[in-house]
Amino acid sequence: MDKDTDNIEELNTSKTDIKVPEEEACEAEDAQEETEESKPVDNPKAVIGAVLFSVGNSVEYKKLANVLGRDVDETRSLVNELKAEYDGNDDCGFTIIELEGSVQMCSKASMYEHLIKIAKVPKAYSLTDSMLETLSIIAYKQPVTKLEIEKIRGVSSDHAVNRLMEYGLVTELGRLQAPGRPLLFGTTEEFLRSFNVTSLDDLPTASPDRIEEFKKEAAEEAEVTLGI
């Protein structure tokens, strides 16, 4: 995994950036906007709520901090205060969730039964044992190639990876700088949301015994598939 990461960093740093006058002008404008936005706002929690509600998707703490004119730690504290206010108010249907250095406003789980009466019900998907095994390997070893996944499982994982990508739980992270330049895969924010995990650091520690179980189950799966 560390070797793969080093290869990605080497690939990224090997690119040569050529700036044209127009790009330099845009950078100057961005810097000016950032300076203007760095002034502390008087009503930070109201701004946080407005930003998260309007954007809809997750917003990085550092971007939110820039809007508020505060540092990331203070911004995180303000977000936690606002979340506590939302969660402690039964008349409020919103809450805030954290996703790997970002935050997002969403409806409370208790509102689901009311939302489905008017909103489109999300398409439910089920994960087979092979898909769960593949997802676990990707989650713990990302960025990881299909070849590495298959070495652990002992069988082809094309179908499992493709379905996980269809469900939005897995995505392509780039290509490994190696012969054939194989694709690298990793989990998404949707994975964190679906499994109620704030960060990949919160995942339970994967024991070597569990990895061996994956290999054994994959071998049994292969025998059934081949009719052995």
Protein backbone atom coordinates (compact mmCIF):
# COMPACT_ATOMS: atom_id res chain seq x y z
CA MET A 1 0.00 0.00 0.00
CA ASP A 2 2.83 2.43 0.93
CA LYS A 3 4.63 1.61 -2.30
CA ASP A 4 1.49 2.33 -4.32
CA THR A 5 1.04 5.67 -2.54
CA ASP A 6 4.65 6.64 -3.23
CA ASN A 7 4.13 5.84 -6.90
CA ILE A 8 1.04 8.07 -7.03
CA GLU A 9 2.89 10.96 -5.39
CA GLU A 10 5.79 10.52 -7.80
CA LEU A 11 3.37 10.59 -10.73
CA ASN A 12 1.71 13.77 -9.47
CA THR A 13 4.97 15.60 -8.76
CA SER A 14 6.44 14.65 -12.14
CA LYS A 15 3.99 16.92 -13.98
CA THR A 16 5.24 20.32 -15.14
CA ASP A 17 2.90 23.27 -14.49
CA ILE A 18 3.02 25.97 -17.14
CA LYS A 19 1.28 29.19 -16.15
CA VAL A 20 -0.16 31.50 -18.78
CA PRO A 21 -1.07 35.16 -18.11
CA GLU A 22 -4.79 34.37 -17.92
CA GLU A 23 -4.18 31.72 -15.26
CA GLU A 24 -2.02 34.11 -13.26
CA ALA A 25 -4.79 36.70 -13.40
CA CYS A 26 -7.33 34.11 -12.16
CA GLU A 27 -5.01 33.15 -9.30
CA ALA A 28 -4.70 36.82 -8.35
CA GLU A 29 -8.50 37.16 -8.32
CA ASP A 30 -8.83 33.98 -6.18
CA ALA A 31 -6.26 35.33 -3.73
CA GLN A 32 -8.16 38.61 -3.51
CA GLU A 33 -11.45 36.78 -2.88
CA GLU A 34 -9.79 34.63 -0.22
CA THR A 35 -8.51 37.77 1.52
CA GLU A 36 -11.97 39.31 1.46
CA GLU A 37 -13.57 36.13 2.80
CA SER A 38 -11.01 35.87 5.62
CA LYS A 39 -12.76 38.58 7.66
CA PRO A 40 -14.51 36.99 10.69
CA VAL A 41 -18.29 36.92 10.34
CA ASP A 42 -20.53 38.05 13.20
CA ASN A 43 -22.98 35.14 13.01
CA PRO A 44 -20.81 32.08 12.23
CA LYS A 45 -23.33 29.35 13.11
CA ALA A 46 -25.99 30.97 10.93
CA VAL A 47 -23.48 31.11 8.07
CA ILE A 48 -22.54 27.46 8.59
CA GLY A 49 -26.19 26.43 8.41
CA ALA A 50 -26.82 28.52 5.30
CA VAL A 51 -23.73 27.20 3.51
CA LEU A 52 -24.40 23.53 4.29
CA PHE A 53 -28.09 23.83 3.42
CA SER A 54 -27.40 25.61 0.11
CA VAL A 55 -24.52 23.39 -1.02
CA GLY A 56 -26.28 20.12 -0.15
CA ASN A 57 -23.13 18.04 -0.55
CA SER A 58 -20.25 17.82 1.91
CA VAL A 59 -18.04 20.88 2.47
CA GLU A 60 -14.41 20.67 3.59
CA TYR A 61 -13.64 22.21 6.97
CA LYS A 62 -10.86 24.35 5.52
CA LYS A 63 -13.22 25.88 2.94
CA LEU A 64 -15.84 26.50 5.59
CA ALA A 65 -13.20 28.05 7.84
CA ASN A 66 -12.22 30.44 5.06
CA VAL A 67 -15.84 31.57 4.69
CA LEU A 68 -16.13 32.15 8.44
CA GLY A 69 -12.78 33.90 8.75
CA ARG A 70 -11.68 31.46 11.44
CA ASP A 71 -9.22 28.60 11.77
CA VAL A 72 -10.20 24.98 11.23
CA ASP A 73 -10.24 24.06 14.94
CA GLU A 74 -12.60 26.91 15.83
CA THR A 75 -14.76 26.09 12.81
CA ARG A 76 -14.97 22.45 13.90
CA SER A 77 -16.02 23.58 17.39
CA LEU A 78 -18.74 25.84 15.94
CA VAL A 79 -20.02 23.01 13.75
CA ASN A 80 -20.21 20.71 16.79
CA GLU A 81 -22.15 23.38 18.71
CA LEU A 82 -24.60 23.78 15.84
CA LYS A 83 -25.01 20.00 15.53
CA ALA A 84 -25.74 19.78 19.28
CA GLU A 85 -28.40 22.48 18.89
CA TYR A 86 -30.01 20.62 15.98
CA ASP A 87 -29.89 17.25 17.73
CA GLY A 88 -31.26 18.66 20.96
CA ASN A 89 -34.25 20.29 19.30
CA ASP A 90 -37.10 17.87 18.52
CA ASP A 91 -38.69 20.55 16.33
CA CYS A 92 -35.64 20.56 14.04
CA GLY A 93 -35.48 17.86 11.36
CA PHE A 94 -31.85 18.48 10.43
CA THR A 95 -28.54 17.24 11.73
CA ILE A 96 -24.91 17.49 10.64
CA ILE A 97 -22.59 14.59 9.87
CA GLU A 98 -18.81 14.55 9.48
CA LEU A 99 -17.16 12.75 6.58
CA GLU A 100 -13.35 12.53 6.46
CA GLY A 101 -12.52 16.20 7.04
CA SER A 102 -15.80 17.47 5.60
CA VAL A 103 -19.28 18.16 6.97
CA GLN A 104 -22.74 17.83 5.47
CA MET A 105 -26.24 18.79 6.52
CA CYS A 106 -28.86 16.06 6.22
CA SER A 107 -32.24 15.09 7.61
CA LYS A 108 -32.40 13.15 10.85
CA ALA A 109 -32.90 9.40 10.56
CA SER A 110 -36.17 9.74 12.47
CA MET A 111 -37.58 11.82 9.58
CA TYR A 112 -37.25 9.01 7.03
CA GLU A 113 -40.80 7.67 7.44
CA HIS A 114 -42.15 11.14 6.65
CA LEU A 115 -39.78 11.91 3.79
CA ILE A 116 -40.65 8.78 1.81
CA LYS A 117 -44.25 9.99 1.57
CA ILE A 118 -43.18 12.83 -0.68
CA ALA A 119 -39.59 12.23 -1.77
CA LYS A 120 -38.33 9.54 -4.12
CA VAL A 121 -37.33 6.47 -2.14
CA PRO A 122 -33.61 5.67 -2.66
CA LYS A 123 -33.00 2.46 -4.56
CA ALA A 124 -32.07 -0.24 -2.09
CA TYR A 125 -29.11 -2.44 -2.85
CA SER A 126 -27.89 -5.63 -1.26
CA LEU A 127 -24.27 -6.66 -0.86
CA THR A 128 -23.36 -10.30 -1.38
CA ASP A 129 -20.65 -11.95 0.70
CA SER A 130 -18.16 -11.61 -2.16
CA MET A 131 -18.98 -7.90 -2.52
CA LEU A 132 -18.58 -7.33 1.22
CA GLU A 133 -15.23 -9.13 1.17
CA THR A 134 -14.05 -7.04 -1.77
CA LEU A 135 -15.29 -3.83 -0.15
CA SER A 136 -13.49 -4.69 3.09
CA ILE A 137 -10.21 -5.28 1.27
CA ILE A 138 -10.52 -2.00 -0.63
CA ALA A 139 -11.41 -0.08 2.54
CA TYR A 140 -8.38 -1.35 4.46
CA LYS A 141 -5.76 -1.45 1.70
CA GLN A 142 -6.69 1.52 -0.49
CA PRO A 143 -5.43 2.64 -2.88
CA VAL A 144 -5.43 -0.91 -4.22
CA THR A 145 -5.47 -2.58 -7.66
CA LYS A 146 -7.76 -5.40 -8.78
CA LEU A 147 -4.73 -7.68 -8.96
CA GLU A 148 -3.99 -7.08 -5.28
CA ILE A 149 -7.63 -7.69 -4.39
CA GLU A 150 -7.64 -10.95 -6.34
CA LYS A 151 -4.39 -12.09 -4.70
CA ILE A 152 -6.11 -11.82 -1.33
CA ARG A 153 -9.45 -13.31 -2.41
CA GLY A 154 -8.00 -15.90 -4.74
CA VAL A 155 -10.69 -15.35 -7.39
CA SER A 156 -11.63 -12.76 -10.01
CA SER A 157 -13.15 -9.66 -8.48
CA ASP A 158 -14.26 -7.82 -11.64
CA HIS A 159 -17.97 -8.28 -10.99
CA ALA A 160 -17.74 -7.30 -7.31
CA VAL A 161 -15.70 -4.17 -8.01
CA ASN A 162 -17.98 -3.09 -10.85
CA ARG A 163 -21.12 -3.47 -8.73
CA LEU A 164 -19.54 -1.59 -5.84
CA MET A 165 -18.76 1.25 -8.24
CA GLU A 166 -22.35 1.21 -9.50
CA TYR A 167 -23.53 1.60 -5.90
CA GLY A 168 -21.17 4.53 -5.40
CA LEU A 169 -19.25 2.80 -2.60
CA VAL A 170 -16.01 2.49 -4.56
CA THR A 171 -14.32 4.80 -7.05
CA GLU A 172 -11.21 4.98 -9.23
CA LEU A 173 -8.38 6.93 -7.57
CA GLY A 174 -6.02 7.03 -10.53
CA ARG A 175 -3.46 4.67 -12.05
CA LEU A 176 -0.41 3.01 -10.55
CA GLN A 177 2.86 4.01 -12.22
CA ALA A 178 3.75 0.45 -13.14
CA PRO A 179 3.66 -1.75 -16.26
CA GLY A 180 0.15 -1.65 -17.67
CA ARG A 181 -0.71 1.28 -15.38
CA PRO A 182 -3.46 -0.62 -13.51
CA LEU A 183 -6.34 1.32 -11.97
CA LEU A 184 -6.31 2.05 -8.26
CA PHE A 185 -9.53 1.82 -6.25
CA GLY A 186 -10.68 3.33 -2.99
CA THR A 187 -13.86 4.00 -1.03
CA THR A 188 -16.09 7.07 -1.32
CA GLU A 189 -17.97 9.42 1.00
CA GLU A 190 -21.05 7.33 0.22
CA PHE A 191 -19.25 4.39 1.82
CA LEU A 192 -18.75 6.43 5.00
CA ARG A 193 -22.39 7.52 5.00
CA SER A 194 -23.73 4.03 4.33
CA PHE A 195 -21.72 2.42 7.12
CA ASN A 196 -22.12 5.37 9.52
CA VAL A 197 -18.37 5.96 9.71
CA THR A 198 -16.90 9.43 10.18
CA SER A 199 -13.42 8.57 8.91
CA LEU A 200 -11.46 5.60 7.63
CA ASP A 201 -9.46 5.87 10.85
CA ASP A 202 -12.61 4.79 12.71
CA LEU A 203 -12.73 1.42 10.95
CA PRO A 204 -12.10 -1.58 13.22
CA THR A 205 -8.59 -3.00 13.04
CA ALA A 206 -8.41 -5.78 10.46
CA SER A 207 -6.83 -8.87 11.98
CA PRO A 208 -4.65 -11.28 9.93
CA ASP A 209 -7.07 -14.05 10.92
CA ARG A 210 -9.92 -12.22 9.20
CA ILE A 211 -7.86 -11.85 6.02
CA GLU A 212 -7.23 -15.60 6.09
CA GLU A 213 -10.98 -16.13 6.44
CA PHE A 214 -11.47 -14.02 3.30
CA LYS A 215 -9.04 -16.26 1.43
CA LYS A 216 -10.75 -19.44 2.64
CA GLU A 217 -14.24 -18.17 1.78
CA ALA A 218 -13.02 -17.02 -1.63
CA ALA A 219 -11.50 -20.46 -2.29
CA GLU A 220 -14.80 -22.13 -1.36
CA GLU A 221 -16.63 -19.69 -3.64
CA ALA A 222 -14.29 -20.59 -6.51
CA GLU A 223 -14.93 -24.31 -5.99
CA VAL A 224 -18.70 -23.79 -6.13
CA THR A 225 -18.38 -21.62 -9.24
CA LEU A 226 -16.21 -24.19 -11.03
CA GLY A 227 -18.36 -27.10 -9.84
CA ILE A 228 -15.47 -28.79 -8.08
